């Protein structure tokens, strides 16, 4: 199944999977929607990772972390940064894994062609400048998401917010398996067993990637990570379903 210019097959999967595409207004075969102009002024993720953003929100990462902190009611930038990281990782994995499982192909998500609205509500609002198809194998998905996005994002958050590597890659694995679990649920509910099979096989291969090896244990679609995202530190937050803890630590 070929990738279409709007990635319409992702729409039924829900918000974390849907990716907005910036179409060419000069192309009469696929005219752009005037609403697509909403991406104007948004930084590319290449700018964000490089620390050179000067778009609508200036320092997009700092803006996003402060927005998440306000939404969660936490005064801890590290906690907000971890939750923000988990949210963006989930968006990237969901789009790539969803395309690989449904289409058998993935779009080129080069950070220089992907724009991000740091002021959007969850899930993160992403805009892709055109759909360029790539193979849907695990190696390509790893290159598209892990290497191109999550490695530079982890370096940025580690330096700015003192987040540990184990936490960051644990977040990445958690976001991946969360996307896979949602794909499995949707596929079985809609009579698409091959989608579930492809998602499961890709997830197993991706968890064997050197960056994700040892981040947790996958049993069926259930994942138990070996690190904590710090969400328990949010007022009233509690533990996530895949947390390494069975009860929240007492940090008093």
Protein backbone atom coordinates (compact mmCIF):
# COMPACT_ATOMS: atom_id res chain seq x y z
CA UNK A 1 0.00 0.00 0.00
CA UNK A 2 1.56 3.27 -1.12
CA UNK A 3 1.80 6.27 1.19
CA UNK A 4 -0.70 8.96 0.21
CA UNK A 5 0.03 12.67 0.50
CA UNK A 6 -2.13 13.14 3.61
CA UNK A 7 -1.43 9.77 5.25
CA UNK A 8 -5.18 9.24 5.44
CA UNK A 9 -4.89 5.63 6.64
CA UNK A 10 -3.57 6.93 9.98
CA UNK A 11 -6.70 8.98 10.72
CA UNK A 12 -8.77 6.08 12.14
CA UNK A 13 -5.94 5.24 14.56
CA UNK A 14 -6.38 8.42 16.58
CA UNK A 15 -4.52 11.59 17.51
CA UNK A 16 -1.11 10.21 18.43
CA UNK A 17 -0.83 8.54 15.00
CA UNK A 18 -2.14 11.33 12.77
CA UNK A 19 0.49 13.50 11.10
CA UNK A 20 -0.33 16.79 9.40
CA UNK A 21 1.28 17.18 5.99
CA UNK A 22 2.24 20.43 4.27
CA UNK A 23 1.13 20.12 0.66
CA UNK A 24 2.29 22.03 -2.39
CA UNK A 25 -0.35 24.71 -3.18
CA UNK A 26 0.87 24.76 -6.81
CA UNK A 27 0.05 21.08 -7.33
CA UNK A 28 -3.40 20.93 -8.99
CA UNK A 29 -3.59 17.18 -8.37
CA UNK A 30 -3.48 17.64 -4.61
CA UNK A 31 -4.16 21.25 -3.62
CA UNK A 32 -3.24 22.34 -0.12
CA UNK A 33 -5.92 23.24 2.40
CA UNK A 34 -5.72 26.96 3.34
CA UNK A 35 -5.69 25.81 6.98
CA UNK A 36 -2.27 24.29 6.32
CA UNK A 37 -0.82 27.79 6.70
CA UNK A 38 -1.01 27.23 10.46
CA UNK A 39 2.47 25.75 10.28
CA UNK A 40 3.96 29.12 9.28
CA UNK A 41 6.43 30.35 11.89
CA UNK A 42 6.84 26.98 13.58
CA UNK A 43 10.45 25.76 13.96
CA UNK A 44 11.68 22.55 12.43
CA UNK A 45 12.81 19.88 14.83
CA UNK A 46 16.30 20.22 13.36
CA UNK A 47 16.29 23.80 14.69
CA UNK A 48 14.93 22.61 18.04
CA UNK A 49 17.59 19.94 18.49
CA UNK A 50 20.29 22.35 17.40
CA UNK A 51 19.16 25.00 19.87
CA UNK A 52 18.70 27.59 17.12
CA UNK A 53 14.92 28.07 17.26
CA UNK A 54 13.69 31.60 16.80
CA UNK A 55 10.11 30.95 15.77
CA UNK A 56 6.82 31.82 17.39
CA UNK A 57 7.81 30.57 20.85
CA UNK A 58 11.54 31.31 20.80
CA UNK A 59 13.08 28.58 22.97
CA UNK A 60 10.63 25.85 21.97
CA UNK A 61 11.94 23.19 24.36
CA UNK A 62 11.94 25.50 27.35
CA UNK A 63 8.49 26.76 26.37
CA UNK A 64 7.13 23.22 26.10
CA UNK A 65 8.62 22.12 29.41
CA UNK A 66 7.11 25.14 31.18
CA UNK A 67 3.73 24.46 29.53
CA UNK A 68 3.80 20.82 30.64
CA UNK A 69 4.86 21.83 34.16
CA UNK A 70 1.94 24.25 34.39
CA UNK A 71 -0.49 21.63 33.07
CA UNK A 72 0.74 19.02 35.57
CA UNK A 73 0.96 21.43 38.48
CA UNK A 74 4.59 20.59 39.19
CA UNK A 75 7.44 22.91 40.17
CA UNK A 76 10.09 20.40 39.03
CA UNK A 77 11.52 21.12 35.56
CA UNK A 78 13.13 17.65 35.40
CA UNK A 79 9.77 15.95 35.87
CA UNK A 80 8.08 18.18 33.30
CA UNK A 81 10.96 17.65 30.85
CA UNK A 82 10.64 13.87 31.17
CA UNK A 83 6.88 13.95 30.58
CA UNK A 84 7.34 16.31 27.62
CA UNK A 85 9.98 13.96 26.20
CA UNK A 86 7.67 10.98 26.58
CA UNK A 87 4.90 12.82 24.74
CA UNK A 88 7.03 13.79 21.75
CA UNK A 89 8.61 10.32 21.58
CA UNK A 90 5.13 8.79 21.55
CA UNK A 91 4.09 10.99 18.62
CA UNK A 92 7.18 10.10 16.58
CA UNK A 93 6.93 6.35 17.27
CA UNK A 94 3.17 6.28 16.66
CA UNK A 95 3.47 7.89 13.23
CA UNK A 96 6.41 5.77 12.10
CA UNK A 97 5.19 2.46 13.54
CA UNK A 98 1.63 3.14 12.40
CA UNK A 99 2.76 3.77 8.83
CA UNK A 100 5.05 0.74 8.82
CA UNK A 101 2.27 -1.52 10.12
CA UNK A 102 -0.58 -0.16 7.98
CA UNK A 103 1.17 0.89 4.77
CA UNK A 104 4.30 -1.25 4.92
CA UNK A 105 6.25 1.98 4.31
CA UNK A 106 7.28 4.96 6.43
CA UNK A 107 7.54 8.63 5.50
CA UNK A 108 10.89 10.39 5.65
CA UNK A 109 10.65 12.20 9.00
CA UNK A 110 13.87 14.16 8.56
CA UNK A 111 13.99 16.74 11.40
CA UNK A 112 14.58 19.50 8.85
CA UNK A 113 11.21 18.74 7.23
CA UNK A 114 9.17 18.23 10.40
CA UNK A 115 7.73 21.27 12.19
CA UNK A 116 6.59 21.27 15.84
CA UNK A 117 4.12 23.47 17.69
CA UNK A 118 5.39 23.66 21.26
CA UNK A 119 2.20 25.42 22.35
CA UNK A 120 -0.22 22.70 21.21
CA UNK A 121 -2.10 20.52 23.66
CA UNK A 122 -1.34 16.80 23.82
CA UNK A 123 -0.67 15.00 21.56
CA UNK A 124 2.17 17.10 20.14
CA UNK A 125 1.28 18.88 16.89
CA UNK A 126 3.66 17.92 14.07
CA UNK A 127 3.70 19.05 10.42
CA UNK A 128 5.62 17.21 7.69
CA UNK A 129 6.73 18.98 4.51
CA UNK A 130 5.68 16.41 1.93
CA UNK A 131 5.53 12.63 2.09
CA UNK A 132 8.62 10.83 0.80
CA UNK A 133 8.25 7.05 1.17
CA UNK A 134 10.95 4.89 2.73
CA UNK A 135 11.02 1.13 3.40
CA UNK A 136 9.01 -0.02 6.41
CA UNK A 137 11.63 -2.34 7.93
CA UNK A 138 12.91 -2.06 11.50
CA UNK A 139 16.28 -0.68 10.45
CA UNK A 140 14.66 2.20 8.59
CA UNK A 141 12.21 2.92 11.40
CA UNK A 142 15.13 2.98 13.87
CA UNK A 143 17.05 5.40 11.65
CA UNK A 144 14.00 7.61 11.15
CA UNK A 145 13.01 7.84 14.83
CA UNK A 146 15.87 6.74 17.11
CA UNK A 147 18.83 8.15 15.22
CA UNK A 148 17.29 11.22 13.60
CA UNK A 149 15.12 12.37 16.52
CA UNK A 150 15.42 10.64 19.86
CA UNK A 151 19.23 10.65 20.05
CA UNK A 152 19.60 14.45 19.56
CA UNK A 153 16.54 15.11 21.71
CA UNK A 154 17.98 12.97 24.51
CA UNK A 155 21.30 14.84 24.31
CA UNK A 156 19.49 18.16 24.56
CA UNK A 157 17.34 17.18 27.54
CA UNK A 158 20.22 15.46 29.32
CA UNK A 159 22.30 18.63 29.11
CA UNK A 160 19.54 21.10 29.98
CA UNK A 161 17.54 19.18 32.59
CA UNK A 162 20.01 16.59 33.95
CA UNK A 163 17.85 13.66 32.84
CA UNK A 164 19.66 10.33 33.02
CA UNK A 165 20.28 8.26 29.91
CA UNK A 166 18.46 5.31 31.47
CA UNK A 167 15.34 7.41 32.01
CA UNK A 168 15.43 8.88 28.50
CA UNK A 169 15.86 5.56 26.70
CA UNK A 170 13.33 4.00 29.05
CA UNK A 171 10.90 6.72 27.96
CA UNK A 172 11.70 5.91 24.33
CA UNK A 173 10.98 2.21 24.86
CA UNK A 174 7.82 2.97 26.82
CA UNK A 175 6.55 5.25 24.04
CA UNK A 176 7.33 2.60 21.42
CA UNK A 177 5.54 -0.21 23.23
CA UNK A 178 2.62 2.08 24.05
CA UNK A 179 2.18 2.80 20.34
CA UNK A 180 2.44 -0.91 19.53
CA UNK A 181 -0.17 -1.79 22.16
CA UNK A 182 -2.59 0.77 20.74
CA UNK A 183 -2.00 -0.55 17.22
CA UNK A 184 -2.67 -4.09 18.44
CA UNK A 185 -5.92 -3.02 20.10
CA UNK A 186 -7.10 -1.14 17.00
CA UNK A 187 -6.10 -3.90 14.57
CA UNK A 188 -7.97 -6.63 16.44
CA UNK A 189 -11.02 -4.43 16.89
CA UNK A 190 -11.17 -3.76 13.14
CA UNK A 191 -10.28 -7.18 11.75
CA UNK A 192 -6.73 -6.24 10.69
CA UNK A 193 -4.60 -9.02 12.19
CA UNK A 194 -1.72 -8.40 9.76
CA UNK A 195 -1.37 -4.87 11.10
CA UNK A 196 -1.05 -6.25 14.63
CA UNK A 197 1.49 -8.86 13.49
CA UNK A 198 3.65 -6.31 11.68
CA UNK A 199 3.54 -3.91 14.62
CA UNK A 200 4.52 -6.65 17.08
CA UNK A 201 7.39 -7.93 14.92
CA UNK A 202 8.77 -4.42 14.37
CA UNK A 203 8.52 -3.62 18.08
CA UNK A 204 10.49 -6.71 19.07
CA UNK A 205 13.23 -5.87 16.57
CA UNK A 206 13.35 -2.23 17.66
CA UNK A 207 13.65 -3.18 21.34
CA UNK A 208 16.75 -5.17 20.37
CA UNK A 209 18.39 -2.01 19.03
CA UNK A 210 21.54 -1.08 21.02
CA UNK A 211 19.89 2.13 22.27
CA UNK A 212 16.88 0.24 23.66
CA UNK A 213 18.38 -3.07 24.73
CA UNK A 214 17.91 -3.58 28.46
CA UNK A 215 15.28 -0.87 28.86
CA UNK A 216 12.64 -3.36 29.94
CA UNK A 217 10.83 -6.62 29.34
CA UNK A 218 8.11 -7.19 26.74
CA UNK A 219 5.58 -9.96 27.39
CA UNK A 220 3.01 -10.09 24.61
CA UNK A 221 2.03 -6.44 24.30
CA UNK A 222 2.73 -5.67 27.97
CA UNK A 223 5.98 -3.85 28.73
CA UNK A 224 7.71 -3.43 32.11
CA UNK A 225 10.44 -0.83 31.98
CA UNK A 226 13.56 -0.79 34.17
CA UNK A 227 13.47 2.96 34.80
CA UNK A 228 10.94 5.54 35.92
CA UNK A 229 9.73 8.61 34.01
CA UNK A 230 9.25 10.56 37.31
CA UNK A 231 5.51 10.97 36.79
CA UNK A 232 4.95 9.80 40.37
CA UNK A 233 6.45 13.14 41.45
CA UNK A 234 3.56 15.04 39.87
CA UNK A 235 0.93 15.99 42.49
CA UNK A 236 -1.55 13.11 42.44
CA UNK A 237 0.39 11.45 39.60
CA UNK A 238 0.91 7.89 40.85
CA UNK A 239 2.67 5.21 38.81
CA UNK A 240 2.43 4.51 35.09
CA UNK A 241 1.25 1.07 33.97
CA UNK A 242 4.73 0.00 32.83
CA UNK A 243 6.70 1.54 35.72
CA UNK A 244 9.59 -0.32 37.30
CA UNK A 245 8.15 0.47 40.74
CA UNK A 246 5.26 -1.33 42.36
CA UNK A 247 4.65 1.61 44.66
CA UNK A 248 5.82 5.19 44.50
CA UNK A 249 9.15 5.89 46.21
CA UNK A 250 9.14 8.01 49.35
CA UNK A 251 11.41 10.91 48.41
CA UNK A 252 10.69 12.92 51.53
